Amino acid sequence: MKTKIVFIILIFTSVFAFPQGNTDTELSTFDKILQLDKPAITGGIRMPIFTLGTGVVSYHGDIMNDEPANFSIGCNAIHFEMQQNITPYLQLGIRYLRSELRGNSYYPDIQTFFNFKTEVNSFGAFARYNFSNFSIVTKHSNILSPYTSLGISFLQRPEARGDWYTGNKKIYLWTDGSFRTSPETGYNASQASIVYRDFEYETALQVENIDNKKYYSPVILTFPVELGIEYNISKVLKINLGYQYHFTATNTLDDITKNGKNDARKGSKLPDGYSYAYVSLSAHLGNIQKKQKFEALDNEDYYVDWDEDQDGIDETEDDCPYTPHGVEVYANGCPLDDDNDGIPNFKDIENQTNAFFRDEHGKGMSEEELIDRMTKGDKLLQSELYTYYPDLMDGRTHAKQFYKRIPKKYKICDLDRNDYIDLDELLYTIDSFFDEGPDAGPGSVMTSKDLSELIEFFFLQ
């Protein structure tokens, strides 16, 4: 009876002598004893993906440029994106795009020309899907990843403006293709001066309102569709090459509509649109290694009660308790793994591999090599599992720890020498702690602190 009471007292003493935090960043001693899931050392904040890019915007509507639209003709643009991973292949994000839209069309045979310019500020949201999980993609390249996205944006535009004047003189297009200061007639060819456009876009087309249209909305919905390819520089930095087409919910961006005043000003019934060809740089902040490298201080500045692998991390806090001596570790006791592939640096023969599949040495392997290894050779028996995968025994994977080695100072408690302290051996040690004499038992040579640590180790096994 006395033994049971002492046993209960020691357990509760070791549990309640420490703060009983139960938050995401703090665990109680009781949690550690029972080996409950510890918080990830990387923290719980999911960092977003930031993207900054530039490119060329081309207008597609009734007023087209004389040159055919392509990736190099149009207005310079910049865009900014912030995305958050929902799954490894699906991201939700927001996007800001700033640019201009311009169009110029000339019809000398009917002495008519159209032009316009308007600024573009677009802000919206999108969903992007990366095809890097498709085997048809990954087996050809682990560096290039195609993607697509769909979105919705609000396009804020000032009123469209036209270039109808040079200085204070209105200009007219003649049948010979020149601009002059008066309309072309049969008798004034020698009197009208030839002028050149100054591209100032001084005329507010909405104020002129030639077609007597209703007031234009300053905010327009657009629906961008995107195709692109991502080049993996590293786990953190990516270069993107892409093309977007923005379908707009209006036909008035260029001031030409299907309800024009005359045949020359009648446009298509289809809505206006614009494209954006770009290159951008993305920073995947969530892939930055946030584990802190453990820096051991001088011996007099820190104290470790029980450190079997001598890495400076107490065994009760060590997630990788059997790290080889001299190997650098993170603050959780696990060896450094710079490329985050699950293979520590001291075992990894390819520290910066970009391969999707890797072997037990961290070397990249193709899908064919993986299938070949899985289908050939002898099958692995359950009894041999820990011989080939020792990490399963010390908790460095998702599996729970199965056992821990007995520290030297507690080996005297292992009476049957089976490398495991069972309940009977623990109770015998507690009994002998209260007995007197050097031959009373293993507990007689222990301090109360030693006995408390032994009880903690018993639950860590």
Protein backbone atom coordinates (compact mmCIF):
# COMPACT_ATOMS: atom_id res chain seq x y z
CA MET A 1 0.00 0.00 0.00
CA LYS A 2 2.86 2.35 0.90
CA THR A 3 4.48 1.68 -2.46
CA LYS A 4 1.34 2.59 -4.40
CA ILE A 5 0.87 5.83 -2.47
CA VAL A 6 4.49 6.88 -3.03
CA PHE A 7 4.21 5.99 -6.71
CA ILE A 8 1.10 8.18 -7.15
CA ILE A 9 2.67 11.08 -5.20
CA LEU A 10 5.82 11.02 -7.34
CA ILE A 11 3.83 11.03 -10.56
CA PHE A 12 1.67 13.98 -9.54
CA THR A 13 4.71 15.83 -8.21
CA SER A 14 6.51 15.50 -11.54
CA VAL A 15 3.37 16.57 -13.42
CA PHE A 16 2.22 19.58 -11.42
CA ALA A 17 5.67 20.97 -10.67
CA PHE A 18 5.66 22.50 -14.16
CA PRO A 19 3.26 24.87 -15.98
CA GLN A 20 0.32 23.04 -17.49
CA GLY A 21 0.13 25.00 -20.76
CA ASN A 22 -2.11 23.56 -23.42
CA THR A 23 -1.61 25.96 -26.28
CA ASP A 24 -0.15 25.40 -29.73
CA THR A 25 3.26 26.65 -28.61
CA GLU A 26 3.51 25.21 -25.08
CA LEU A 27 3.23 21.62 -23.81
CA SER A 28 3.06 20.42 -20.25
CA THR A 29 5.42 17.86 -18.76
CA PHE A 30 2.51 15.41 -18.72
CA ASP A 31 2.15 15.84 -22.48
CA LYS A 32 5.83 15.11 -22.92
CA ILE A 33 5.67 12.02 -20.71
CA LEU A 34 2.82 10.54 -22.74
CA GLN A 35 4.54 11.53 -26.02
CA LEU A 36 1.59 13.49 -27.33
CA ASP A 37 2.11 15.30 -30.61
CA LYS A 38 4.49 18.19 -30.12
CA PRO A 39 4.04 21.46 -32.00
CA ALA A 40 6.02 21.70 -35.22
CA ILE A 41 9.21 23.63 -34.73
CA THR A 42 8.36 25.61 -37.86
CA GLY A 43 5.38 27.21 -36.11
CA GLY A 44 1.71 27.34 -37.03
CA ILE A 45 1.66 30.38 -39.32
CA ARG A 46 1.27 29.52 -42.98
CA MET A 47 3.32 32.04 -44.90
CA PRO A 48 1.89 33.30 -48.22
CA ILE A 49 3.44 33.38 -51.70
CA PHE A 50 4.39 36.85 -52.94
CA THR A 51 4.74 37.54 -56.67
CA LEU A 52 5.94 40.64 -58.51
CA GLY A 53 5.92 40.77 -62.30
CA THR A 54 5.97 42.92 -65.41
CA GLY A 55 4.84 42.50 -68.98
CA VAL A 56 2.89 43.91 -71.93
CA VAL A 57 -0.86 44.57 -72.10
CA SER A 58 -2.51 44.45 -75.54
CA TYR A 59 -6.02 45.71 -76.27
CA HIS A 60 -8.57 43.58 -78.15
CA GLY A 61 -11.66 45.50 -79.22
CA ASP A 62 -13.16 47.63 -81.96
CA ILE A 63 -10.23 50.06 -82.16
CA MET A 64 -7.28 47.87 -82.95
CA ASN A 65 -3.70 48.89 -83.56
CA ASP A 66 -2.43 48.81 -87.11
CA GLU A 67 0.09 46.17 -86.07
CA PRO A 68 -1.33 42.75 -85.19
CA ALA A 69 -1.49 42.19 -81.42
CA ASN A 70 1.36 40.09 -80.05
CA PHE A 71 3.47 39.73 -76.91
CA SER A 72 5.73 42.68 -77.74
CA ILE A 73 3.19 45.30 -78.87
CA GLY A 74 1.15 47.11 -76.25
CA CYS A 75 1.56 49.00 -73.01
CA ASN A 76 3.95 48.24 -70.19
CA ALA A 77 2.35 46.80 -67.06
CA ILE A 78 3.22 45.67 -63.56
CA HIS A 79 1.32 43.29 -61.30
CA PHE A 80 1.49 42.07 -57.74
CA GLU A 81 0.01 38.86 -56.32
CA MET A 82 -0.32 37.30 -52.90
CA GLN A 83 -1.35 33.65 -52.72
CA GLN A 84 -2.04 31.06 -50.05
CA ASN A 85 -1.72 27.32 -50.52
CA ILE A 86 -4.96 25.43 -49.96
CA THR A 87 -3.38 22.15 -51.08
CA PRO A 88 0.12 21.53 -52.51
CA TYR A 89 -1.37 22.14 -55.98
CA LEU A 90 -4.19 24.64 -55.42
CA GLN A 91 -3.73 28.26 -54.38
CA LEU A 92 -6.15 31.10 -53.77
CA GLY A 93 -4.84 34.59 -54.25
CA ILE A 94 -5.42 38.27 -54.87
CA ARG A 95 -3.94 40.27 -57.74
CA TYR A 96 -3.33 43.93 -58.60
CA LEU A 97 -2.58 45.00 -62.20
CA ARG A 98 -1.69 48.48 -63.39
CA SER A 99 -1.30 49.46 -67.03
CA GLU A 100 -2.82 51.40 -69.94
CA LEU A 101 -5.00 50.43 -72.89
CA ARG A 102 -4.42 52.07 -76.25
CA GLY A 103 -5.82 51.64 -79.75
CA ASN A 104 -5.34 53.35 -83.09
CA SER A 105 -7.20 52.60 -86.32
CA TYR A 106 -6.91 54.47 -89.63
CA TYR A 107 -9.34 54.35 -92.61
CA PRO A 108 -8.05 56.84 -95.25
CA ASP A 109 -10.54 55.66 -97.89
CA ILE A 110 -13.42 57.05 -95.82
CA GLN A 111 -11.33 59.81 -94.18
CA THR A 112 -11.92 58.42 -90.70
CA PHE A 113 -9.62 57.47 -87.83
CA PHE A 114 -10.20 56.31 -84.27
CA ASN A 115 -7.90 56.31 -81.27
CA PHE A 116 -8.18 56.14 -77.52
CA LYS A 117 -6.14 55.71 -74.35
CA THR A 118 -7.29 54.87 -70.83
CA GLU A 119 -5.49 53.94 -67.62
CA VAL A 120 -6.18 50.58 -66.01
CA ASN A 121 -6.19 49.70 -62.31
CA SER A 122 -7.44 46.17 -61.72
CA PHE A 123 -7.85 44.41 -58.39
CA GLY A 124 -9.32 40.93 -57.95
CA ALA A 125 -9.10 37.34 -56.73
CA PHE A 126 -8.23 34.09 -58.47
CA ALA A 127 -7.77 30.35 -58.00
CA ARG A 128 -4.67 28.76 -59.51
CA TYR A 129 -3.97 25.08 -60.09
CA ASN A 130 -0.47 23.68 -60.57
CA PHE A 131 -0.10 20.50 -62.64
CA SER A 132 3.15 19.35 -61.00
CA ASN A 133 1.34 16.37 -59.45
CA PHE A 134 0.55 14.89 -62.87
CA SER A 135 2.92 12.01 -63.62
CA ILE A 136 2.99 12.96 -67.30
CA VAL A 137 4.55 16.26 -66.18
CA THR A 138 6.89 15.15 -63.40
CA LYS A 139 8.46 12.30 -65.35
CA HIS A 140 9.68 14.76 -67.99
CA SER A 141 10.82 17.57 -65.71
CA ASN A 142 10.91 18.32 -62.00
CA ILE A 143 11.88 21.94 -62.65
CA LEU A 144 9.09 23.14 -64.98
CA SER A 145 5.48 23.09 -63.78
CA PRO A 146 2.54 24.30 -65.91
CA TYR A 147 -0.40 26.03 -64.23
CA THR A 148 -3.74 27.64 -65.01
CA SER A 149 -6.04 30.01 -63.17
CA LEU A 150 -9.49 31.56 -63.25
CA GLY A 151 -10.45 34.78 -61.54
CA ILE A 152 -12.67 37.79 -61.20
CA SER A 153 -11.47 41.40 -61.02
CA PHE A 154 -12.76 44.93 -60.69
CA LEU A 155 -11.37 47.20 -63.38
CA GLN A 156 -11.24 50.83 -62.34
CA ARG A 157 -10.76 53.09 -65.34
CA PRO A 158 -10.75 56.84 -65.85
CA GLU A 159 -12.70 58.01 -68.88
CA ALA A 160 -11.21 57.16 -72.25
CA ARG A 161 -9.41 60.01 -74.01
CA GLY A 162 -8.66 60.60 -77.69
CA ASP A 163 -5.95 62.38 -79.64
CA TRP A 164 -7.98 64.63 -81.95
CA TYR A 165 -5.93 67.83 -81.80
CA THR A 166 -2.39 68.98 -82.43
CA GLY A 167 -1.87 72.01 -80.26
CA ASN A 168 -5.22 73.80 -80.51
CA LYS A 169 -5.97 72.67 -84.06
CA LYS A 170 -8.24 69.76 -84.83
CA ILE A 171 -6.78 67.24 -87.24
CA TYR A 172 -8.41 65.40 -90.15
CA LEU A 173 -7.36 62.27 -92.02
CA TRP A 174 -7.12 62.62 -95.79
CA THR A 175 -7.31 59.90 -98.42
CA ASP A 176 -3.57 60.13 -99.03
CA GLY A 177 -2.98 59.06 -95.42
CA SER A 178 -1.83 62.46 -94.18
CA PHE A 179 -3.25 64.52 -91.32
CA ARG A 180 -4.24 68.11 -92.12
CA THR A 181 -5.87 71.06 -90.39
CA SER A 182 -9.11 71.03 -92.43
CA PRO A 183 -11.42 68.42 -93.93
CA GLU A 184 -10.59 67.19 -97.42
CA THR A 185 -12.59 68.76 -100.27
CA GLY A 186 -12.00 69.12 -103.98
CA TYR A 187 -10.61 72.67 -103.83
CA ASN A 188 -8.53 72.99 -100.65
CA ALA A 189 -5.71 70.52 -101.24
CA SER A 190 -3.16 73.28 -101.58
CA GLN A 191 -4.47 75.34 -98.68
CA ALA A 192 -4.58 72.76 -95.85
CA SER A 193 -1.33 72.33 -93.92
CA ILE A 194 0.04 68.86 -93.19
CA VAL A 195 0.39 68.20 -89.45
CA TYR A 196 1.42 65.27 -87.30
CA ARG A 197 -0.23 63.73 -84.29
CA ASP A 198 1.28 64.68 -80.94
CA PHE A 199 -0.20 61.64 -79.10
CA GLU A 200 -1.30 63.84 -76.19
CA TYR A 201 -4.82 62.27 -75.89
CA GLU A 202 -6.34 65.55 -74.75
CA THR A 203 -9.99 64.92 -75.70
CA ALA A 204 -12.34 63.37 -73.13
CA LEU A 205 -14.44 60.99 -75.22
CA GLN A 206 -17.15 60.77 -72.60
CA VAL A 207 -17.58 64.54 -72.67
CA GLU A 208 -17.71 64.62 -76.46
CA ASN A 209 -20.22 61.72 -76.38
CA ILE A 210 -20.65 61.58 -80.14
CA ASP A 211 -23.03 58.63 -79.98
CA ASN A 212 -25.17 60.02 -77.13
CA LYS A 213 -24.37 57.04 -74.91
CA LYS A 214 -25.39 56.71 -71.29
CA TYR A 215 -22.92 57.44 -68.53
CA TYR A 216 -20.07 54.94 -68.39
CA SER A 217 -19.57 52.98 -65.19
CA PRO A 218 -16.14 53.72 -63.66
CA VAL A 219 -15.93 50.14 -62.35
CA ILE A 220 -16.16 47.14 -64.68
CA LEU A 221 -16.09 43.42 -63.95
CA THR A 222 -13.44 41.39 -65.77
CA PHE A 223 -12.84 37.65 -65.85
CA PRO A 224 -9.17 36.76 -66.36
CA VAL A 225 -8.16 33.32 -67.67
CA GLU A 226 -4.50 32.40 -67.33
CA LEU A 227 -2.01 29.84 -68.64
CA GLY A 228 1.60 29.74 -67.53
CA ILE A 229 4.65 27.72 -66.65
CA GLU A 230 6.72 27.91 -63.47
CA TYR A 231 10.49 27.44 -63.37
CA ASN A 232 11.81 26.26 -60.01
CA ILE A 233 15.00 28.10 -59.11
CA SER A 234 14.82 26.73 -55.58
CA LYS A 235 12.20 25.73 -53.03
CA VAL A 236 11.68 29.41 -52.26
CA LEU A 237 12.13 31.31 -55.55
CA LYS A 238 10.22 30.58 -58.78
CA ILE A 239 10.14 32.32 -62.16
CA ASN A 240 6.79 32.41 -63.96
CA LEU A 241 6.06 32.94 -67.65
CA GLY A 242 2.39 33.41 -68.39
CA TYR A 243 -0.41 34.78 -70.53
CA GLN A 244 -3.72 36.14 -69.30
CA TYR A 245 -6.81 37.11 -71.26
CA HIS A 246 -9.26 39.40 -69.49
CA PHE A 247 -12.86 39.16 -70.67
CA THR A 248 -14.65 42.39 -69.71
CA ALA A 249 -18.34 42.95 -69.02
CA THR A 250 -18.52 46.01 -71.29
CA ASN A 251 -18.22 47.07 -74.91
CA THR A 252 -17.37 50.72 -74.18
CA LEU A 253 -13.66 50.74 -73.31
CA ASP A 254 -12.75 52.28 -76.66
CA ASP A 255 -15.90 54.47 -76.99
CA ILE A 256 -17.04 52.39 -80.01
CA THR A 257 -20.16 50.24 -79.56
CA LYS A 258 -22.75 48.41 -81.63
CA ASN A 259 -25.02 51.49 -81.29
CA GLY A 260 -22.71 53.93 -83.07
CA LYS A 261 -23.98 57.15 -84.63
CA ASN A 262 -23.09 56.02 -88.16
CA ASP A 263 -21.76 52.97 -89.94
CA ALA A 264 -18.16 54.02 -89.36
CA ARG A 265 -18.72 54.09 -85.59
CA LYS A 266 -20.70 50.87 -85.30
CA GLY A 267 -18.65 48.23 -83.55
CA SER A 268 -18.94 44.57 -82.67
CA LYS A 269 -21.55 43.19 -80.32
CA LEU A 270 -18.85 41.25 -78.49
CA PRO A 271 -17.42 42.71 -75.26
CA ASP A 272 -13.98 44.33 -75.27
CA GLY A 273 -11.01 42.54 -73.78
CA TYR A 274 -7.27 42.75 -73.24
CA SER A 275 -4.38 40.33 -72.82
CA TYR A 276 -1.34 40.39 -70.56
CA ALA A 277 1.90 38.55 -71.35
CA TYR A 278 4.25 38.64 -68.36
CA VAL A 279 7.27 37.35 -66.51
CA SER A 280 7.29 37.34 -62.71
CA LEU A 281 9.28 36.23 -59.68
CA SER A 282 7.54 34.40 -56.82
CA ALA A 283 8.81 34.00 -53.26
CA HIS A 284 7.32 30.93 -51.54
CA LEU A 285 7.91 32.06 -47.97
CA GLY A 286 6.26 28.94 -46.55
CA ASN A 287 9.20 26.89 -47.89
CA ILE A 288 11.82 28.87 -46.02
CA GLN A 289 13.49 26.66 -43.44
CA LYS A 290 12.33 28.11 -40.13
CA LYS A 291 13.93 25.54 -37.87
CA GLN A 292 16.50 27.09 -35.59
CA LYS A 293 19.95 25.60 -35.53
CA PHE A 294 20.93 24.67 -31.98
CA GLU A 295 23.97 26.58 -30.75
CA ALA A 296 25.50 25.02 -27.65
CA LEU A 297 26.79 27.46 -25.06
CA ASP A 298 29.73 26.97 -22.73
CA ASN A 299 29.19 24.15 -20.27
CA GLU A 300 28.78 26.50 -17.34
CA ASP A 301 26.01 28.39 -19.13
CA TYR A 302 23.59 25.52 -19.70
CA TYR A 303 22.77 22.29 -17.95
CA VAL A 304 21.46 19.06 -19.43
CA ASP A 305 20.10 16.39 -17.06
CA TRP A 306 20.01 13.54 -19.51
CA ASP A 307 21.58 13.69 -22.96
CA GLU A 308 22.33 10.24 -24.32
CA ASP A 309 23.52 11.40 -27.77
CA GLN A 310 25.38 14.43 -26.36
CA ASP A 311 23.93 16.96 -28.79
CA GLY A 312 23.06 19.48 -26.08
CA ILE A 313 19.32 18.68 -26.10
CA ASP A 314 17.80 16.96 -23.07
CA GLU A 315 16.33 13.57 -23.98
CA THR A 316 12.90 14.64 -22.76
CA GLU A 317 12.99 17.39 -25.40
CA ASP A 318 14.97 15.52 -28.09
CA ASP A 319 12.82 14.51 -31.07
CA CYS A 320 15.80 12.61 -32.54
CA PRO A 321 17.52 11.08 -29.50
CA TYR A 322 20.12 8.97 -31.34
CA THR A 323 21.85 11.59 -33.48
CA PRO A 324 25.50 10.60 -34.10
CA HIS A 325 28.02 12.49 -32.01
CA GLY A 326 29.23 15.73 -33.58
CA VAL A 327 26.34 16.16 -36.04
CA GLU A 328 24.81 19.66 -36.01
CA VAL A 329 21.17 19.70 -34.90
CA TYR A 330 18.15 21.99 -34.80
CA ALA A 331 16.68 23.20 -31.52
CA ASN A 332 14.48 20.08 -31.41
CA GLY A 333 17.52 17.78 -31.51
CA CYS A 334 17.08 16.58 -35.11
CA PRO A 335 20.03 16.79 -37.53
CA LEU A 336 20.14 19.56 -40.12
CA ASP A 337 18.25 18.89 -43.35
CA ASP A 338 18.88 21.85 -45.70
CA ASP A 339 16.76 20.61 -48.62
CA ASN A 340 13.96 19.37 -46.34
CA ASP A 341 13.72 15.97 -48.04
CA GLY A 342 13.64 13.92 -44.84
CA ILE A 343 17.26 12.80 -45.23
CA PRO A 344 19.62 14.61 -42.80
CA ASN A 345 22.67 16.35 -44.23
CA PHE A 346 25.13 13.84 -42.82
CA LYS A 347 23.38 11.03 -44.76
CA ASP A 348 22.28 13.04 -47.81
CA ILE A 349 24.54 12.63 -50.85
CA GLU A 350 22.54 15.24 -52.81
CA ASN A 351 21.84 18.12 -50.45
CA GLN A 352 20.10 20.29 -53.06
CA THR A 353 18.32 17.79 -55.28
CA ASN A 354 15.14 18.94 -57.06
CA ALA A 355 14.02 15.41 -57.89
CA PHE A 356 10.44 14.51 -56.99
CA PHE A 357 11.43 10.97 -55.88
CA ARG A 358 14.46 10.30 -53.67
CA ASP A 359 16.04 7.17 -52.24
CA GLU A 360 17.13 6.57 -48.64
CA HIS A 361 20.39 8.45 -49.32
CA GLY A 362 18.67 11.57 -50.64
CA LYS A 363 19.65 10.86 -54.24
CA GLY A 364 17.12 11.74 -56.92
CA MET A 365 15.49 8.89 -58.79
CA SER A 366 13.06 8.64 -61.67
CA GLU A 367 9.57 7.17 -61.50
CA GLU A 368 10.78 4.15 -63.45
CA GLU A 369 13.58 3.52 -60.94
CA LEU A 370 11.11 3.79 -58.05
CA ILE A 371 8.70 1.30 -59.63
CA ASP A 372 11.61 -1.04 -60.38
CA ARG A 373 12.70 -1.01 -56.73
CA MET A 374 9.14 -1.58 -55.52
CA THR A 375 8.44 -4.54 -57.82
CA LYS A 376 11.77 -6.37 -57.77
CA GLY A 377 13.72 -8.07 -55.03
CA ASP A 378 12.68 -9.80 -51.83
CA LYS A 379 9.72 -8.48 -49.88
CA LEU A 380 10.43 -6.77 -46.55
CA LEU A 381 9.12 -8.74 -43.56
CA GLN A 382 7.55 -6.96 -40.60
CA SER A 383 10.28 -8.27 -38.32
CA GLU A 384 12.92 -6.65 -40.55
CA LEU A 385 11.19 -3.29 -40.82
CA TYR A 386 13.20 -1.51 -38.14
CA THR A 387 16.49 -2.84 -39.50
CA TYR A 388 15.92 -0.97 -42.77
CA TYR A 389 13.97 1.95 -41.30
CA PRO A 390 15.45 2.69 -37.86
CA ASP A 391 13.86 6.16 -37.85
CA LEU A 392 10.54 4.51 -37.04
CA MET A 393 11.89 3.53 -33.63
CA ASP A 394 12.92 6.94 -32.41
CA GLY A 395 9.98 9.01 -33.56
CA ARG A 396 11.61 10.97 -36.37
CA THR A 397 8.66 10.18 -38.64
CA HIS A 398 4.89 10.27 -38.09
CA ALA A 399 5.14 6.99 -36.12
CA LYS A 400 5.18 7.09 -32.33
CA GLN A 401 8.33 6.15 -30.46
CA PHE A 402 8.51 2.46 -29.62
CA TYR A 403 11.29 2.55 -27.07
CA LYS A 404 14.26 4.57 -25.84
CA ARG A 405 17.59 3.26 -24.70
CA ILE A 406 18.07 3.07 -20.95
CA PRO A 407 20.46 5.77 -19.65
CA LYS A 408 23.55 4.36 -17.94
CA LYS A 409 22.55 5.52 -14.46
CA TYR A 410 19.28 3.53 -14.68
CA LYS A 411 20.71 0.27 -16.04
CA ILE A 412 20.93 -1.05 -12.46
CA CYS A 413 17.12 -1.00 -12.42
CA ASP A 414 16.93 -3.37 -15.40
CA LEU A 415 17.13 -6.53 -13.33
CA ASP A 416 16.38 -8.97 -16.16
CA ARG A 417 18.80 -7.21 -18.57
CA ASN A 418 16.26 -7.00 -21.40
CA ASP A 419 16.92 -3.28 -22.09
CA TYR A 420 13.47 -2.37 -20.81
CA ILE A 421 12.33 -1.22 -17.38
CA ASP A 422 8.96 -2.78 -16.68
CA LEU A 423 6.46 -1.84 -13.97
CA ASP A 424 7.72 -4.46 -11.46
CA GLU A 425 11.28 -3.16 -11.80
CA LEU A 426 10.07 0.41 -11.32
CA LEU A 427 8.08 -0.46 -8.19
CA TYR A 428 11.03 -2.44 -6.78
CA THR A 429 13.27 0.58 -7.29
CA ILE A 430 10.75 2.84 -5.52
CA ASP A 431 10.56 0.38 -2.58
CA SER A 432 14.33 0.21 -2.28
CA PHE A 433 14.54 4.01 -2.31
CA PHE A 434 12.97 4.03 1.17
CA ASP A 435 15.05 1.15 2.50
CA GLU A 436 18.43 1.58 4.13
CA GLY A 437 21.76 -0.03 3.41
CA PRO A 438 23.88 -0.30 0.23
CA ASP A 439 22.37 -3.70 -0.58
CA ALA A 440 18.76 -2.64 -0.22
CA GLY A 441 18.29 -2.27 -3.99
CA PRO A 442 18.89 0.12 -6.91
CA GLY A 443 16.74 2.86 -5.41
CA SER A 444 18.87 3.15 -2.30
CA VAL A 445 21.65 4.92 -4.21
CA MET A 446 19.34 7.40 -5.97
CA THR A 447 18.33 10.91 -5.06
CA SER A 448 14.71 12.05 -5.20
CA LYS A 449 15.52 13.83 -8.46
CA ASP A 450 16.92 10.61 -9.93
CA LEU A 451 13.77 8.76 -8.94
CA SER A 452 11.52 11.42 -10.48
CA GLU A 453 13.47 11.20 -13.77
CA LEU A 454 13.23 7.42 -13.71
CA ILE A 455 9.45 7.62 -13.47
CA GLU A 456 9.45 10.06 -16.40
CA PHE A 457 11.67 7.73 -18.44
CA PHE A 458 9.37 4.80 -17.68
CA PHE A 459 6.55 6.57 -19.55
CA LEU A 460 8.91 7.62 -22.36
CA GLN A 461 9.73 4.05 -23.27
